[in-house]
């Protein structure tokens, strides 16, 4: 489930004091419904814009589309203030003694229809997961929570911490 990947990535980010999280995003069948006409899925543009606005998120376009054919998509992305930092690579994470990124670049979250991402439903799940994370940043128990999505309940605009049973109201 995509929300599990997102929550686990954020939990790792806080536990390991990382500055950034890397989201690899496929184009065909994930962002775009029809690539010839540049027709995006309903929530894709909104959610990608939100992800682009978060300083801790680095978007990587992960596609087999030829660079010359990507011009129209990059115009669309620019129009909606969506920034993909890299195309099919992550030069910020290099190989070392423990990891080899020569054939597979590093990412924390993969949004790809071939990996089970359902664009008709999952863009909304990504959106709500990011909203929950943004508000949970206030909770001192976030790092310990055994299962953030299952333990933190969303009631309207309040999130209930399972440890204190207190509301983490998003209006604070």
Protein backbone atom coordinates (compact mmCIF):
# COMPACT_ATOMS: atom_id res chain seq x y z
CA UNK A 1 0.00 0.00 0.00
CA UNK A 2 1.29 3.40 -0.98
CA UNK A 3 0.42 5.05 2.34
CA UNK A 4 2.59 2.51 4.15
CA UNK A 5 5.55 3.40 1.91
CA UNK A 6 5.06 7.11 2.55
CA UNK A 7 4.67 6.78 6.33
CA UNK A 8 7.68 4.46 6.60
CA UNK A 9 9.79 6.83 4.48
CA UNK A 10 8.92 9.75 6.76
CA UNK A 11 9.55 7.70 9.88
CA UNK A 12 13.01 6.77 8.52
CA UNK A 13 13.61 10.41 7.67
CA UNK A 14 13.02 11.45 11.29
CA UNK A 15 14.83 8.51 12.87
CA UNK A 16 17.90 8.94 10.69
CA UNK A 17 17.80 12.75 10.54
CA UNK A 18 17.64 12.87 6.76
CA UNK A 19 17.02 16.19 5.06
CA UNK A 20 15.30 14.75 2.00
CA UNK A 21 13.03 12.03 0.71
CA UNK A 22 13.12 10.90 -2.91
CA UNK A 23 9.90 10.14 -4.78
CA UNK A 24 10.38 8.34 -8.12
CA UNK A 25 7.35 9.00 -10.32
CA UNK A 26 6.46 7.16 -13.51
CA UNK A 27 4.81 9.11 -16.31
CA UNK A 28 2.64 6.83 -18.48
CA UNK A 29 -0.24 5.25 -16.63
CA UNK A 30 0.69 7.02 -13.40
CA UNK A 31 0.69 10.78 -14.04
CA UNK A 32 -0.72 10.83 -17.55
CA UNK A 33 -3.79 8.97 -18.71
CA UNK A 34 -3.08 9.84 -22.33
CA UNK A 35 0.43 10.92 -23.25
CA UNK A 36 -0.34 11.96 -26.82
CA UNK A 37 -2.77 14.61 -25.59
CA UNK A 38 -1.04 15.21 -22.23
CA UNK A 39 -4.14 14.29 -20.23
CA UNK A 40 -3.26 13.78 -16.57
CA UNK A 41 -5.16 11.70 -14.04
CA UNK A 42 -7.66 13.68 -11.99
CA UNK A 43 -5.60 14.30 -8.81
CA UNK A 44 -2.09 13.86 -10.21
CA UNK A 45 -1.36 17.52 -10.92
CA UNK A 46 -2.67 18.73 -7.56
CA UNK A 47 -0.70 16.14 -5.59
CA UNK A 48 2.52 16.60 -7.59
CA UNK A 49 2.26 20.35 -7.04
CA UNK A 50 1.91 19.74 -3.29
CA UNK A 51 4.89 17.36 -3.28
CA UNK A 52 6.95 19.90 -5.25
CA UNK A 53 6.20 22.56 -2.65
CA UNK A 54 7.57 20.51 0.25
CA UNK A 55 11.26 21.25 0.87
CA UNK A 56 11.97 17.69 2.04
CA UNK A 57 10.66 16.05 -1.15
CA UNK A 58 12.75 15.55 -4.28
CA UNK A 59 10.74 14.41 -7.29
CA UNK A 60 12.48 12.18 -9.82
CA UNK A 61 10.75 11.47 -13.12
CA UNK A 62 11.11 7.73 -13.72
CA UNK A 63 10.18 6.99 -17.32
CA UNK A 64 11.27 5.21 -20.47
CA UNK A 65 10.02 8.08 -22.64
CA UNK A 66 12.67 9.59 -24.90
CA UNK A 67 13.94 12.98 -23.80
CA UNK A 68 12.81 14.75 -26.96
CA UNK A 69 9.26 13.45 -26.39
CA UNK A 70 9.23 14.78 -22.83
CA UNK A 71 9.21 18.45 -23.86
CA UNK A 72 5.41 18.72 -23.80
CA UNK A 73 5.23 17.09 -20.39
CA UNK A 74 7.87 19.40 -18.93
CA UNK A 75 5.89 22.39 -20.28
CA UNK A 76 2.80 21.03 -18.53
CA UNK A 77 4.75 20.50 -15.31
CA UNK A 78 6.20 24.01 -15.47
CA UNK A 79 2.73 25.49 -16.06
CA UNK A 80 1.52 23.87 -12.83
CA UNK A 81 4.70 24.64 -10.83
CA UNK A 82 5.72 20.98 -10.60
CA UNK A 83 9.46 20.46 -10.39
CA UNK A 84 11.15 17.21 -11.19
CA UNK A 85 14.74 17.57 -10.02
CA UNK A 86 16.06 14.60 -11.98
CA UNK A 87 15.20 12.34 -14.87
CA UNK A 88 15.87 8.60 -14.30
CA UNK A 89 18.69 9.23 -11.84
CA UNK A 90 19.49 10.41 -8.34
CA UNK A 91 22.99 11.90 -8.27
CA UNK A 92 22.49 12.93 -4.64
CA UNK A 93 22.82 9.32 -3.48
CA UNK A 94 26.04 7.76 -4.65
CA UNK A 95 27.43 4.26 -4.35
CA UNK A 96 29.60 3.41 -1.36
CA UNK A 97 30.94 0.30 0.41
CA UNK A 98 27.43 -0.82 1.36
CA UNK A 99 25.33 0.26 -1.65
CA UNK A 100 25.67 0.10 -5.42
CA UNK A 101 23.51 2.63 -7.28
CA UNK A 102 25.17 2.11 -10.66
CA UNK A 103 22.20 0.19 -12.09
CA UNK A 104 19.34 1.32 -9.85
CA UNK A 105 19.07 4.83 -8.44
CA UNK A 106 17.98 5.43 -4.86
CA UNK A 107 14.42 6.46 -3.97
CA UNK A 108 12.26 6.24 -0.85
CA UNK A 109 8.84 6.07 -2.51
CA UNK A 110 7.92 4.71 -5.95
CA UNK A 111 4.75 5.88 -7.71
CA UNK A 112 4.45 3.59 -10.72
CA UNK A 113 1.46 1.75 -12.17
CA UNK A 114 3.76 -1.21 -12.90
CA UNK A 115 4.53 -1.39 -9.18
CA UNK A 116 0.86 -1.50 -8.19
CA UNK A 117 0.06 2.23 -8.08
CA UNK A 118 -3.57 2.76 -9.08
CA UNK A 119 -3.82 6.36 -10.34
CA UNK A 120 -7.61 6.40 -10.09
CA UNK A 121 -7.42 5.88 -6.31
CA UNK A 122 -3.85 6.26 -5.12
CA UNK A 123 -3.30 9.97 -5.90
CA UNK A 124 -5.96 10.72 -3.29
CA UNK A 125 -4.25 8.36 -0.84
CA UNK A 126 -0.88 10.06 -1.44
CA UNK A 127 -2.56 13.43 -0.90
CA UNK A 128 -4.18 12.46 2.42
CA UNK A 129 -1.04 10.66 3.61
CA UNK A 130 1.06 13.78 3.02
CA UNK A 131 -1.57 15.90 4.82
CA UNK A 132 -1.49 13.54 7.81
CA UNK A 133 2.32 13.60 7.92
CA UNK A 134 2.41 17.40 7.80
CA UNK A 135 0.14 17.64 10.83
CA UNK A 136 1.74 14.77 12.69
CA UNK A 137 5.09 16.55 12.65
CA UNK A 138 3.82 18.21 15.84
CA UNK A 139 3.43 14.90 17.66
CA UNK A 140 6.41 13.81 19.80
CA UNK A 141 5.30 10.17 19.48
CA UNK A 142 5.56 9.99 15.71
CA UNK A 143 8.90 8.21 15.83
CA UNK A 144 7.65 5.50 18.15
CA UNK A 145 4.29 4.87 16.54
CA UNK A 146 4.29 1.19 15.50
CA UNK A 147 2.04 1.88 12.56
CA UNK A 148 1.36 5.52 11.90
CA UNK A 149 -1.56 5.04 9.52
CA UNK A 150 -3.30 2.48 11.71
CA UNK A 151 -2.60 4.09 15.07
CA UNK A 152 -3.32 7.72 14.24
CA UNK A 153 -6.99 8.11 13.57
CA UNK A 154 -8.32 10.96 11.52
CA UNK A 155 -11.61 12.43 12.73
CA UNK A 156 -12.61 15.34 10.55
CA UNK A 157 -9.78 17.77 11.05
CA UNK A 158 -8.33 16.17 14.19
CA UNK A 159 -5.73 13.46 14.56
CA UNK A 160 -5.81 11.39 17.74
CA UNK A 161 -2.48 10.21 19.20
CA UNK A 162 -2.78 6.62 20.52
CA UNK A 163 -0.25 7.28 23.28
CA UNK A 164 -1.84 10.36 24.82
CA UNK A 165 -5.33 10.08 23.32
CA UNK A 166 -5.02 13.80 22.66
CA UNK A 167 -6.13 15.59 19.57
CA UNK A 168 -3.53 17.02 17.22
CA UNK A 169 -5.84 19.62 15.74
CA UNK A 170 -4.63 20.85 12.37
CA UNK A 171 -5.77 24.38 13.23
CA UNK A 172 -3.17 24.84 16.00
